[in-house]
Amino acid sequence: IHDYINWYNTKRIHSALGYISPLEMEIKLRGKLNNAA
């Protein structure tokens, strides 16, 4: 179960995020926040 949850939360692509993984979206957002500060 842990492996599935990890995959679902970090690696699966999502259409609402522009077909990138939630982890990739988080990395992009953190980069934008760091550049704005």
Protein backbone atom coordinates (compact mmCIF):
# COMPACT_ATOMS: atom_id res chain seq x y z
CA ILE A 1 0.00 0.00 0.00
CA HIS A 2 2.83 2.41 0.85
CA ASP A 3 4.35 2.05 -2.63
CA TYR A 4 1.04 2.83 -4.31
CA ILE A 5 0.44 5.89 -2.13
CA ASN A 6 3.96 7.11 -2.86
CA TRP A 7 3.44 6.65 -6.59
CA TYR A 8 0.02 8.30 -6.51
CA ASN A 9 1.23 11.34 -4.58
CA THR A 10 4.55 11.93 -6.31
CA LYS A 11 4.90 10.27 -9.71
CA ARG A 12 1.56 9.93 -11.51
CA ILE A 13 0.86 12.53 -14.15
CA HIS A 14 -2.23 14.65 -13.71
CA SER A 15 -4.14 16.48 -16.43
CA ALA A 16 -5.09 19.37 -14.12
CA LEU A 17 -1.38 20.04 -13.54
CA GLY A 18 -0.53 20.17 -17.23
CA TYR A 19 0.35 16.47 -17.46
CA ILE A 20 3.19 16.60 -14.97
CA SER A 21 3.51 14.83 -11.65
CA PRO A 22 2.51 16.48 -8.39
CA LEU A 23 6.15 16.36 -7.32
CA GLU A 24 7.26 18.19 -10.47
CA MET A 25 4.60 20.84 -9.86
CA GLU A 26 5.78 21.32 -6.28
CA ILE A 27 9.37 21.74 -7.46
CA LYS A 28 8.30 24.32 -10.06
CA LEU A 29 6.26 26.28 -7.51
CA ARG A 30 9.06 26.26 -4.95
CA GLY A 31 11.45 27.55 -7.62
CA LYS A 32 9.08 30.40 -8.47
CA LEU A 33 8.63 31.29 -4.80
CA ASN A 34 12.38 31.29 -4.19
CA ASN A 35 12.96 33.51 -7.23
CA ALA A 36 10.28 35.97 -6.11
CA ALA A 37 11.73 36.36 -2.63
